[in-house]
C-alpha atoms as a PDB file:
ATOM      1  CA  MET A   1       1.475  36.442   5.092  1.00  0.00           C
ATOM      2  CA  ILE A   2       0.693  33.993   8.321  1.00  0.00           C
ATOM      3  CA  ALA A   3      -2.100  31.390   7.462  1.00  0.00           C
ATOM      4  CA  HIS A   4      -5.892  32.220   8.536  1.00  0.00           C
ATOM      5  CA  ILE A   5      -6.219  30.264  12.295  1.00  0.00           C
ATOM      6  CA  THR A   6      -9.652  28.589  10.230  1.00  0.00           C
ATOM      7  CA  GLU A   7      -8.126  27.245   7.010  1.00  0.00           C
ATOM      8  CA  VAL A   8      -5.073  25.639   9.859  1.00  0.00           C
ATOM      9  CA  VAL A   9      -6.882  24.481  11.631  1.00  0.00           C
ATOM     10  CA  GLY A  10      -8.672  22.220   8.296  1.00  0.00           C
ATOM     11  CA  VAL A  11      -5.223  21.332   6.921  1.00  0.00           C
ATOM     12  CA  TYR A  12      -4.794  20.338  10.552  1.00  0.00           C
ATOM     13  CA  SER A  13      -7.598  18.013  11.296  1.00  0.00           C
ATOM     14  CA  GLU A  14      -7.032  16.926   7.662  1.00  0.00           C
ATOM     15  CA  LEU A  15      -3.308  15.541   8.510  1.00  0.00           C
ATOM     16  CA  VAL A  16      -4.663  14.282  11.745  1.00  0.00           C
ATOM     17  CA  ALA A  17      -7.750  11.813  10.007  1.00  0.00           C
ATOM     18  CA  GLU A  18      -4.938  10.701   7.893  1.00  0.00           C
ATOM     19  CA  MET A  19      -3.127   9.744  10.540  1.00  0.00           C
ATOM     20  CA  ALA A  20      -5.676   7.914  12.322  1.00  0.00           C
ATOM     21  CA  LEU A  21      -6.351   5.871   8.899  1.00  0.00           C
ATOM     22  CA  LEU A  22      -2.843   5.249   8.775  1.00  0.00           C
ATOM     23  CA  ALA A  23      -2.798   3.940  12.071  1.00  0.00           C
ATOM     24  CA  ASN A  24      -5.701   1.623  11.086  1.00  0.00           C
ATOM     25  CA  GLY A  25      -3.981  -0.213   8.288  1.00  0.00           C
ATOM     26  CA  TYR A  26      -5.354   1.880   5.441  1.00  0.00           C
ATOM     27  CA  VAL A  27      -3.699   2.911   2.504  1.00  0.00           C
ATOM     28  CA  VAL A  28      -4.509   6.974   1.967  1.00  0.00           C
ATOM     29  CA  SER A  29      -3.856   8.529  -0.795  1.00  0.00           C
ATOM     30  CA  LYS A  30      -4.262  12.623  -1.577  1.00  0.00           C
ATOM     31  CA  PRO A  31      -6.134  13.847  -5.129  1.00  0.00           C
ATOM     32  CA  SER A  32      -3.315  15.656  -6.950  1.00  0.00           C
ATOM     33  CA  THR A  33      -6.665  18.037  -8.161  1.00  0.00           C
ATOM     34  CA  ALA A  34      -9.433  19.938  -6.764  1.00  0.00           C
ATOM     35  CA  GLU A  35     -12.048  16.739  -6.101  1.00  0.00           C
ATOM     36  CA  PRO A  36     -15.273  16.799  -3.482  1.00  0.00           C
ATOM     37  CA  HIS A  37     -13.021  14.839  -1.537  1.00  0.00           C
ATOM     38  CA  ASP A  38      -9.998  15.219   0.913  1.00  0.00           C
ATOM     39  CA  LEU A  39      -8.909  11.373   0.869  1.00  0.00           C
ATOM     40  CA  LEU A  40      -8.879   7.983  -0.894  1.00  0.00           C
ATOM     41  CA  ALA A  41      -8.817   5.605   1.451  1.00  0.00           C
ATOM     42  CA  THR A  42      -8.028   1.304   0.901  1.00  0.00           C
ATOM     43  CA  ASP A  43      -9.089  -1.099   2.937  1.00  0.00           C
ATOM     44  CA  PRO A  44      -6.347  -3.289   4.027  1.00  0.00           C
ATOM     45  CA  LEU A  45      -8.918  -6.145   4.118  1.00  0.00           C
ATOM     46  CA  SER A  46     -11.013  -5.775   1.774  1.00  0.00           C
ATOM     47  CA  GLY A  47      -9.200  -4.060  -0.479  1.00  0.00           C
ATOM     48  CA  GLU A  48     -12.310  -1.543  -0.936  1.00  0.00           C
ATOM     49  CA  THR A  49     -11.016   2.296  -1.561  1.00  0.00           C
ATOM     50  CA  VAL A  50     -13.596   4.826  -0.523  1.00  0.00           C
ATOM     51  CA  LYS A  51     -13.644   8.266  -1.019  1.00  0.00           C
ATOM     52  CA  ILE A  52     -13.435  10.818   2.603  1.00  0.00           C
ATOM     53  CA  GLN A  53     -14.036  14.099   3.385  1.00  0.00           C
ATOM     54  CA  VAL A  54     -12.535  15.558   6.058  1.00  0.00           C
ATOM     55  CA  LYS A  55     -14.054  18.069   9.221  1.00  0.00           C
ATOM     56  CA  THR A  56     -14.073  19.758  10.789  1.00  0.00           C
ATOM     57  CA  ILE A  57     -16.120  18.837  14.838  1.00  0.00           C
ATOM     58  CA  GLN A  58     -17.426  21.786  16.043  1.00  0.00           C
ATOM     59  CA  ILE A  59     -19.226  21.906  19.931  1.00  0.00           C
ATOM     60  CA  ARG A  60     -22.119  23.760  21.103  1.00  0.00           C
ATOM     61  CA  THR A  61     -22.262  24.928  24.069  1.00  0.00           C
ATOM     62  CA  ASP A  62     -25.907  26.374  22.957  1.00  0.00           C
ATOM     63  CA  ARG A  63     -26.791  23.071  22.656  1.00  0.00           C
ATOM     64  CA  GLY A  64     -25.408  20.568  25.503  1.00  0.00           C
ATOM     65  CA  GLY A  65     -21.442  20.616  23.788  1.00  0.00           C
ATOM     66  CA  GLU A  66     -23.441  18.264  21.193  1.00  0.00           C
ATOM     67  CA  TYR A  67     -20.775  17.510  18.122  1.00  0.00           C
ATOM     68  CA  VAL A  68     -22.317  19.135  14.670  1.00  0.00           C
ATOM     69  CA  VAL A  69     -20.130  18.088  11.506  1.00  0.00           C
ATOM     70  CA  HIS A  70     -21.003  20.569   9.059  1.00  0.00           C
ATOM     71  CA  ALA A  71     -20.385  18.640   5.783  1.00  0.00           C
ATOM     72  CA  ARG A  72     -21.382  20.712   2.921  1.00  0.00           C
ATOM     73  CA  LYS A  73     -19.987  22.279   0.078  1.00  0.00           C
ATOM     74  CA  SER A  74     -18.865  25.513  -0.643  1.00  0.00           C
ATOM     75  CA  ASP A  75     -22.294  26.403  -2.507  1.00  0.00           C
ATOM     76  CA  GLY A  76     -24.306  25.175   0.857  1.00  0.00           C
ATOM     77  CA  THR A  77     -25.599  21.973  -0.328  1.00  0.00           C
ATOM     78  CA  PRO A  78     -24.853  18.624   1.301  1.00  0.00           C
ATOM     79  CA  TYR A  79     -21.897  16.425  -0.073  1.00  0.00           C
ATOM     80  CA  THR A  80     -23.260  13.483  -2.098  1.00  0.00           C
ATOM     81  CA  LYS A  81     -22.681   9.608  -2.395  1.00  0.00           C
ATOM     82  CA  SER A  82     -20.799  10.213  -5.652  1.00  0.00           C
ATOM     83  CA  ASP A  83     -19.213  13.015  -3.723  1.00  0.00           C
ATOM     84  CA  ALA A  84     -17.634  11.093  -0.629  1.00  0.00           C
ATOM     85  CA  ASP A  85     -18.900   7.551   0.866  1.00  0.00           C
ATOM     86  CA  TYR A  86     -17.838   8.682   4.477  1.00  0.00           C
ATOM     87  CA  LEU A  87     -17.274  11.638   6.243  1.00  0.00           C
ATOM     88  CA  ILE A  88     -14.567  11.917   9.271  1.00  0.00           C
ATOM     89  CA  GLY A  89     -14.781  14.627  11.836  1.00  0.00           C
ATOM     90  CA  VAL A  90     -11.754  15.725  13.791  1.00  0.00           C
ATOM     91  CA  LEU A  91     -12.330  16.991  16.963  1.00  0.00           C
ATOM     92  CA  VAL A  92      -9.562  19.628  18.170  1.00  0.00           C
ATOM     93  CA  GLY A  93      -9.670  20.463  21.508  1.00  0.00           C
ATOM     94  CA  GLU A  94      -7.445  22.816  22.738  1.00  0.00           C
ATOM     95  CA  GLY A  95      -4.508  22.226  24.023  1.00  0.00           C
ATOM     96  CA  GLU A  96      -5.667  18.391  23.751  1.00  0.00           C
ATOM     97  CA  PHE A  97      -5.478  15.343  21.808  1.00  0.00           C
ATOM     98  CA  PRO A  98      -7.476  14.575  18.719  1.00  0.00           C
ATOM     99  CA  ARG A  99     -10.185  11.866  18.431  1.00  0.00           C
ATOM    100  CA  VAL A 100     -11.270  11.347  15.084  1.00  0.00           C
ATOM    101  CA  PHE A 101     -14.673   9.828  13.765  1.00  0.00           C
ATOM    102  CA  MET A 102     -16.129   8.279  10.855  1.00  0.00           C
ATOM    103  CA  PHE A 103     -19.147   7.631   9.735  1.00  0.00           C
ATOM    104  CA  GLU A 104     -20.739   7.237   5.948  1.00  0.00           C
ATOM    105  CA  ASN A 105     -22.321   9.522   4.237  1.00  0.00           C
ATOM    106  CA  ARG A 106     -26.136   9.756   4.917  1.00  0.00           C
ATOM    107  CA  GLU A 107     -26.831  12.966   2.141  1.00  0.00           C
ATOM    108  CA  ILE A 108     -27.296  15.538   5.017  1.00  0.00           C
ATOM    109  CA  ARG A 109     -26.196  19.128   6.083  1.00  0.00           C
ATOM    110  CA  GLU A 110     -25.239  18.479   9.052  1.00  0.00           C
ATOM    111  CA  TYR A 111     -24.461  15.041  11.356  1.00  0.00           C
ATOM    112  CA  TRP A 112     -25.140  16.228  15.171  1.00  0.00           C
ATOM    113  CA  ALA A 113     -24.262  13.598  18.474  1.00  0.00           C
ATOM    114  CA  SER A 114     -23.482  13.769  21.942  1.00  0.00           C
ATOM    115  CA  GLU A 115     -20.112  12.576  23.286  1.00  0.00           C
ATOM    116  CA  ALA A 116     -21.596   9.290  24.608  1.00  0.00           C
ATOM    117  CA  ARG A 117     -23.865   8.992  21.490  1.00  0.00           C
ATOM    118  CA  ALA A 118     -20.883   9.564  19.186  1.00  0.00           C
ATOM    119  CA  SER A 119     -19.388   7.034  20.388  1.00  0.00           C
ATOM    120  CA  LYS A 120     -21.828   4.762  19.521  1.00  0.00           C
ATOM    121  CA  ARG A 121     -22.961   6.022  16.606  1.00  0.00           C
ATOM    122  CA  TRP A 122     -19.945   6.801  14.820  1.00  0.00           C
ATOM    123  CA  VAL A 123     -16.671   4.896  14.704  1.00  0.00           C
ATOM    124  CA  GLU A 124     -13.638   6.894  16.896  1.00  0.00           C
ATOM    125  CA  LEU A 125     -10.126   5.077  15.694  1.00  0.00           C
ATOM    126  CA  SER A 126      -7.255   5.443  17.718  1.00  0.00           C
ATOM    127  CA  ILE A 127      -4.060   7.722  16.284  1.00  0.00           C
ATOM    128  CA  ALA A 128      -1.753   6.118  18.063  1.00  0.00           C
ATOM    129  CA  LEU A 129       0.504   3.316  16.190  1.00  0.00           C
ATOM    130  CA  ASP A 130      -0.665  -0.123  17.619  1.00  0.00           C
ATOM    131  CA  ARG A 131       2.091  -2.662  15.898  1.00  0.00           C
ATOM    132  CA  ALA A 132       0.649  -5.769  17.496  1.00  0.00           C
ATOM    133  CA  ALA A 133      -3.226  -4.855  15.358  1.00  0.00           C
ATOM    134  CA  TYR A 134      -0.912  -5.991  12.578  1.00  0.00           C
ATOM    135  CA  THR A 135      -0.560  -9.988  11.217  1.00  0.00           C
ATOM    136  CA  ALA A 136       2.498 -11.575  10.304  1.00  0.00           C
ATOM    137  CA  GLU A 137       1.248 -10.957   6.653  1.00  0.00           C
ATOM    138  CA  GLY A 138       1.695  -6.970   7.526  1.00  0.00           C
ATOM    139  CA  VAL A 139      -2.575  -7.019   7.613  1.00  0.00           C
ATOM    140  CA  ILE A 140      -4.169  -5.147   9.904  1.00  0.00           C
ATOM    141  CA  THR A 141      -7.151  -6.070  11.910  1.00  0.00           C
ATOM    142  CA  THR A 142      -9.167  -2.957  12.786  1.00  0.00           C
ATOM    143  CA  GLN A 143     -12.372  -1.771  14.596  1.00  0.00           C
ATOM    144  CA  MET A 144     -13.091  -0.230  10.715  1.00  0.00           C
ATOM    145  CA  GLU A 145     -14.111  -3.375   9.832  1.00  0.00           C
ATOM    146  CA  ALA A 146     -17.603  -2.295  11.138  1.00  0.00           C
ATOM    147  CA  VAL A 147     -18.200   0.673   8.964  1.00  0.00           C
ATOM    148  CA  ILE A 148     -17.102  -0.279   5.432  1.00  0.00           C
END
């Protein structure tokens, strides 16, 4: 049996989010049991561990191409701070490299942004590993310090 495209895109988004966090120096783990968050990420500088929920970004062509992240649990309620500290939205374009945006959970059901506002309000994480960003101690310095 072949997986449904929705499931494939969801798993793809989680893997891309994990790759982006790793590329930015985070230690990433996945819960072994069913949890409201998809990933745990530990900041290499502060040592703080945060819970992250990953969602695929939808593009609303009827709203001028705005990005929307549906941040609802299966029962329709928004993720609370105890569920996830941050959300990662993954923009999956047909035949294009994905883009990854991380932002704080404000406990709302939907997050909207134009492409221009997304680059200002959300932190875009590169999926490219930059070895030069690592210091002699093996710690990466990233743009994520502004988020966490």
